[in-house]
C-alpha atoms as a PDB file:
ATOM      1  CA  MET A   1       4.034   9.019 -21.551  1.00  0.00           C
ATOM      2  CA  SER A   2       1.744   7.098 -19.213  1.00  0.00           C
ATOM      3  CA  LEU A   3      -1.978   6.566 -19.061  1.00  0.00           C
ATOM      4  CA  SER A   4      -4.027   5.780 -15.963  1.00  0.00           C
ATOM      5  CA  LEU A   5      -7.203   3.714 -16.185  1.00  0.00           C
ATOM      6  CA  VAL A   6      -9.588   3.506 -13.272  1.00  0.00           C
ATOM      7  CA  LEU A   7     -11.928   0.513 -13.274  1.00  0.00           C
ATOM      8  CA  ILE A   8     -14.826   0.988 -10.880  1.00  0.00           C
ATOM      9  CA  PRO A   9     -16.608  -2.211  -9.912  1.00  0.00           C
ATOM     10  CA  LEU A  10     -20.167  -2.516 -11.084  1.00  0.00           C
ATOM     11  CA  SER A  11     -21.259  -3.100  -7.513  1.00  0.00           C
ATOM     12  CA  ILE A  12     -21.042   0.651  -6.962  1.00  0.00           C
ATOM     13  CA  ALA A  13     -23.875   0.927  -9.463  1.00  0.00           C
ATOM     14  CA  VAL A  14     -26.082  -1.542  -7.574  1.00  0.00           C
ATOM     15  CA  ALA A  15     -28.490   1.158  -6.431  1.00  0.00           C
ATOM     16  CA  ALA A  16     -29.141   2.244  -9.990  1.00  0.00           C
ATOM     17  CA  ALA A  17     -29.253  -1.306 -11.276  1.00  0.00           C
ATOM     18  CA  SER A  18     -31.691  -2.443  -8.611  1.00  0.00           C
ATOM     19  CA  GLN A  19     -34.189   0.070  -9.955  1.00  0.00           C
ATOM     20  CA  ALA A  20     -34.141  -1.852 -13.230  1.00  0.00           C
ATOM     21  CA  ARG A  21     -34.866  -5.147 -11.477  1.00  0.00           C
ATOM     22  CA  GLN A  22     -38.326  -6.243 -10.628  1.00  0.00           C
ATOM     23  CA  ILE A  23     -39.596  -8.898  -8.298  1.00  0.00           C
ATOM     24  CA  ARG A  24     -42.792 -10.443  -9.481  1.00  0.00           C
ATOM     25  CA  PRO A  25     -44.748 -13.621  -8.988  1.00  0.00           C
ATOM     26  CA  SER A  26     -44.524 -16.204 -11.715  1.00  0.00           C
ATOM     27  CA  ASP A  27     -47.360 -16.336 -14.180  1.00  0.00           C
ATOM     28  CA  VAL A  28     -47.455 -20.082 -13.599  1.00  0.00           C
ATOM     29  CA  GLU A  29     -47.156 -20.412  -9.841  1.00  0.00           C
ATOM     30  CA  ALA A  30     -48.165 -17.040  -8.435  1.00  0.00           C
ATOM     31  CA  GLY A  31     -47.707 -17.958  -4.779  1.00  0.00           C
ATOM     32  CA  ASN A  32     -44.792 -20.404  -4.994  1.00  0.00           C
ATOM     33  CA  GLU A  33     -42.194 -18.726  -7.168  1.00  0.00           C
ATOM     34  CA  VAL A  34     -40.437 -15.371  -7.217  1.00  0.00           C
ATOM     35  CA  ARG A  35     -38.647 -14.089 -10.323  1.00  0.00           C
ATOM     36  CA  VAL A  36     -35.987 -11.409 -10.230  1.00  0.00           C
ATOM     37  CA  GLU A  37     -34.879  -9.709 -13.420  1.00  0.00           C
ATOM     38  CA  SER A  38     -31.200  -8.887 -13.789  1.00  0.00           C
ATOM     39  CA  ARG A  39     -28.822  -7.072 -16.105  1.00  0.00           C
ATOM     40  CA  MET A  40     -26.478 -10.067 -16.504  1.00  0.00           C
ATOM     41  CA  ARG A  41     -25.798 -11.376 -20.021  1.00  0.00           C
ATOM     42  CA  ASP A  42     -22.569 -13.394 -20.037  1.00  0.00           C
ATOM     43  CA  GLU A  43     -23.144 -17.027 -19.022  1.00  0.00           C
ATOM     44  CA  THR A  44     -19.510 -17.752 -18.177  1.00  0.00           C
ATOM     45  CA  LEU A  45     -19.264 -14.742 -15.863  1.00  0.00           C
ATOM     46  CA  LEU A  46     -22.655 -15.576 -14.322  1.00  0.00           C
ATOM     47  CA  VAL A  47     -21.580 -19.140 -13.518  1.00  0.00           C
ATOM     48  CA  ALA A  48     -18.330 -17.857 -11.986  1.00  0.00           C
ATOM     49  CA  ALA A  49     -20.279 -15.324  -9.890  1.00  0.00           C
ATOM     50  CA  LEU A  50     -22.692 -18.007  -8.657  1.00  0.00           C
ATOM     51  CA  GLU A  51     -19.717 -20.179  -7.729  1.00  0.00           C
ATOM     52  CA  ASP A  52     -18.138 -17.223  -5.905  1.00  0.00           C
ATOM     53  CA  LEU A  53     -21.302 -17.172  -3.770  1.00  0.00           C
ATOM     54  CA  GLY A  54     -20.883 -20.860  -2.926  1.00  0.00           C
ATOM     55  CA  ALA A  55     -23.370 -22.288  -5.412  1.00  0.00           C
ATOM     56  CA  THR A  56     -22.822 -25.363  -7.519  1.00  0.00           C
ATOM     57  CA  VAL A  57     -24.101 -24.834 -11.039  1.00  0.00           C
ATOM     58  CA  ARG A  58     -25.103 -27.182 -13.821  1.00  0.00           C
ATOM     59  CA  ARG A  59     -26.600 -26.488 -17.221  1.00  0.00           C
ATOM     60  CA  ALA A  60     -29.806 -28.274 -18.139  1.00  0.00           C
ATOM     61  CA  ASP A  61     -30.482 -29.490 -21.680  1.00  0.00           C
ATOM     62  CA  ASP A  62     -32.842 -26.561 -22.294  1.00  0.00           C
ATOM     63  CA  GLY A  63     -30.125 -24.000 -21.459  1.00  0.00           C
ATOM     64  CA  VAL A  64     -31.435 -23.224 -17.976  1.00  0.00           C
ATOM     65  CA  LEU A  65     -28.803 -22.897 -15.265  1.00  0.00           C
ATOM     66  CA  LEU A  66     -29.603 -24.839 -12.106  1.00  0.00           C
ATOM     67  CA  ALA A  67     -27.810 -23.405  -9.075  1.00  0.00           C
ATOM     68  CA  LYS A  68     -27.723 -25.029  -5.660  1.00  0.00           C
ATOM     69  CA  THR A  69     -26.663 -22.954  -2.677  1.00  0.00           C
ATOM     70  CA  PRO A  70     -25.815 -24.723   0.582  1.00  0.00           C
ATOM     71  CA  ASP A  71     -29.432 -24.446   1.748  1.00  0.00           C
ATOM     72  CA  ARG A  72     -31.606 -23.677  -1.315  1.00  0.00           C
ATOM     73  CA  ALA A  73     -31.847 -23.836  -5.079  1.00  0.00           C
ATOM     74  CA  LEU A  74     -32.669 -21.432  -7.871  1.00  0.00           C
ATOM     75  CA  THR A  75     -32.788 -21.446 -11.642  1.00  0.00           C
ATOM     76  CA  MET A  76     -31.473 -18.886 -14.083  1.00  0.00           C
ATOM     77  CA  ARG A  77     -33.254 -18.457 -17.418  1.00  0.00           C
ATOM     78  CA  ARG A  78     -32.581 -16.138 -20.344  1.00  0.00           C
ATOM     79  CA  ASP A  79     -35.366 -13.793 -21.345  1.00  0.00           C
ATOM     80  CA  ALA A  80     -36.143 -12.625 -24.888  1.00  0.00           C
ATOM     81  CA  THR A  81     -33.530  -9.860 -24.639  1.00  0.00           C
ATOM     82  CA  GLY A  82     -30.743 -12.248 -23.576  1.00  0.00           C
ATOM     83  CA  LEU A  83     -30.666 -11.212 -19.912  1.00  0.00           C
ATOM     84  CA  TRP A  84     -30.510 -13.882 -17.215  1.00  0.00           C
ATOM     85  CA  ASN A  85     -33.389 -13.879 -14.734  1.00  0.00           C
ATOM     86  CA  ALA A  86     -33.410 -15.722 -11.441  1.00  0.00           C
ATOM     87  CA  CYS A  87     -36.374 -17.893 -10.478  1.00  0.00           C
ATOM     88  CA  PHE A  88     -36.668 -18.710  -6.788  1.00  0.00           C
ATOM     89  CA  ALA A  89     -39.060 -21.444  -5.689  1.00  0.00           C
ATOM     90  CA  GLY A  90     -39.733 -23.088  -2.374  1.00  0.00           C
ATOM     91  CA  THR A  91     -38.618 -21.363   0.804  1.00  0.00           C
ATOM     92  CA  TRP A  92     -37.234 -18.183  -0.762  1.00  0.00           C
ATOM     93  CA  THR A  93     -38.904 -14.965   0.363  1.00  0.00           C
ATOM     94  CA  PRO A  94     -39.040 -11.901  -1.917  1.00  0.00           C
ATOM     95  CA  ASP A  95     -36.559 -10.105   0.372  1.00  0.00           C
ATOM     96  CA  GLY A  96     -34.243 -13.128   0.408  1.00  0.00           C
ATOM     97  CA  ALA A  97     -34.424 -13.387  -3.378  1.00  0.00           C
ATOM     98  CA  ARG A  98     -33.671  -9.673  -3.809  1.00  0.00           C
ATOM     99  CA  ALA A  99     -30.719  -9.877  -1.386  1.00  0.00           C
ATOM    100  CA  PHE A 100     -29.305 -12.898  -3.213  1.00  0.00           C
ATOM    101  CA  VAL A 101     -29.564 -11.167  -6.599  1.00  0.00           C
ATOM    102  CA  GLU A 102     -27.883  -8.050  -5.190  1.00  0.00           C
ATOM    103  CA  ASP A 103     -25.022 -10.253  -3.918  1.00  0.00           C
ATOM    104  CA  LEU A 104     -24.952 -12.007  -7.289  1.00  0.00           C
ATOM    105  CA  ASP A 105     -24.875  -8.654  -9.080  1.00  0.00           C
ATOM    106  CA  ARG A 106     -21.845  -7.573  -7.034  1.00  0.00           C
ATOM    107  CA  ALA A 107     -20.076 -10.901  -7.695  1.00  0.00           C
ATOM    108  CA  TYR A 108     -20.922 -10.622 -11.412  1.00  0.00           C
ATOM    109  CA  GLY A 109     -19.585  -7.056 -11.496  1.00  0.00           C
ATOM    110  CA  LEU A 110     -16.291  -8.222 -10.027  1.00  0.00           C
ATOM    111  CA  GLN A 111     -16.125 -10.985 -12.641  1.00  0.00           C
ATOM    112  CA  VAL A 112     -16.666  -8.381 -15.385  1.00  0.00           C
ATOM    113  CA  GLN A 113     -13.945  -6.203 -13.860  1.00  0.00           C
ATOM    114  CA  ARG A 114     -11.500  -9.162 -13.791  1.00  0.00           C
ATOM    115  CA  ALA A 115     -12.312  -9.973 -17.423  1.00  0.00           C
ATOM    116  CA  VAL A 116     -11.631  -6.372 -18.486  1.00  0.00           C
ATOM    117  CA  ILE A 117      -8.302  -6.369 -16.652  1.00  0.00           C
ATOM    118  CA  ARG A 118      -7.312  -9.685 -18.304  1.00  0.00           C
ATOM    119  CA  ARG A 119      -8.152  -8.252 -21.746  1.00  0.00           C
ATOM    120  CA  LEU A 120      -6.154  -5.087 -21.029  1.00  0.00           C
ATOM    121  CA  GLU A 121      -3.173  -7.171 -19.886  1.00  0.00           C
ATOM    122  CA  GLU A 122      -3.388  -9.330 -23.020  1.00  0.00           C
ATOM    123  CA  ARG A 123      -3.875  -6.470 -25.479  1.00  0.00           C
ATOM    124  CA  ALA A 124      -1.522  -3.858 -24.021  1.00  0.00           C
ATOM    125  CA  PRO A 125       1.647  -5.168 -25.725  1.00  0.00           C
ATOM    126  CA  GLU A 126       0.065  -5.232 -29.191  1.00  0.00           C
ATOM    127  CA  ALA A 127      -1.125  -1.663 -28.611  1.00  0.00           C
ATOM    128  CA  GLY A 128       2.424  -0.593 -27.762  1.00  0.00           C
ATOM    129  CA  MET A 129       1.751  -0.276 -24.045  1.00  0.00           C
ATOM    130  CA  ARG A 130       2.702  -2.029 -20.874  1.00  0.00           C
ATOM    131  CA  ILE A 131       1.124  -2.005 -17.436  1.00  0.00           C
ATOM    132  CA  THR A 132       3.557  -0.431 -14.984  1.00  0.00           C
ATOM    133  CA  SER A 133       1.407  -0.659 -11.863  1.00  0.00           C
ATOM    134  CA  GLN A 134      -1.909  -1.907 -10.622  1.00  0.00           C
ATOM    135  CA  SER A 135      -3.602  -1.063  -7.330  1.00  0.00           C
ATOM    136  CA  VAL A 136      -6.923  -1.932  -5.711  1.00  0.00           C
ATOM    137  CA  ASP A 137      -8.494   0.238  -3.011  1.00  0.00           C
ATOM    138  CA  ASP A 138     -10.910  -0.731  -0.240  1.00  0.00           C
ATOM    139  CA  ASP A 139     -13.917  -0.226  -2.538  1.00  0.00           C
ATOM    140  CA  ARG A 140     -12.341  -2.585  -5.115  1.00  0.00           C
ATOM    141  CA  VAL A 141     -11.630   0.253  -7.516  1.00  0.00           C
ATOM    142  CA  VAL A 142      -8.708  -0.869  -9.666  1.00  0.00           C
ATOM    143  CA  THR A 143      -6.243   1.667 -10.995  1.00  0.00           C
ATOM    144  CA  LEU A 144      -3.954   0.559 -13.800  1.00  0.00           C
ATOM    145  CA  VAL A 145      -1.067   2.740 -14.936  1.00  0.00           C
ATOM    146  CA  MET A 146       0.046   1.944 -18.465  1.00  0.00           C
ATOM    147  CA  GLU A 147       3.118   3.283 -20.195  1.00  0.00           C
ATOM    148  CA  VAL A 148       3.193   3.956 -23.909  1.00  0.00           C
ATOM    149  CA  GLU A 149       6.274   2.184 -25.256  1.00  0.00           C
ATOM    150  CA  ARG A 150       6.068   3.397 -28.828  1.00  0.00           C
ATOM    151  CA  ALA A 151       4.370   6.312 -30.502  1.00  0.00           C
END
């Protein structure tokens, strides 16, 4: 018997996720900073996604992530619910900040997808299954076909 799993990248859900994000001026520097809320929780996947977008990332002593793109910088801070929020200061415009976070969301979604595939590959044998094929389509939808080796 075989089982097919279809893993749809989170980037397909960007339209729905962007409704949950808000762009708002900082309470501290109303005219000089833009904050964008996200749905990202995992720090390791967030750092990998930022690096996928060409940013260099370092962690400050207070837990803030400092990301430097080739032409600008941003910070990522956790909110009270554990979500990472991007803070854009300097020459970032609200539209530029939103576009960057949408790109970051897509990169983060792909990192999540890769992590799920790695876990499935690692756990399949102990569940009595093996992956017999894996394919990726143009929209980055991954289809895994797993065969049950024992009942």
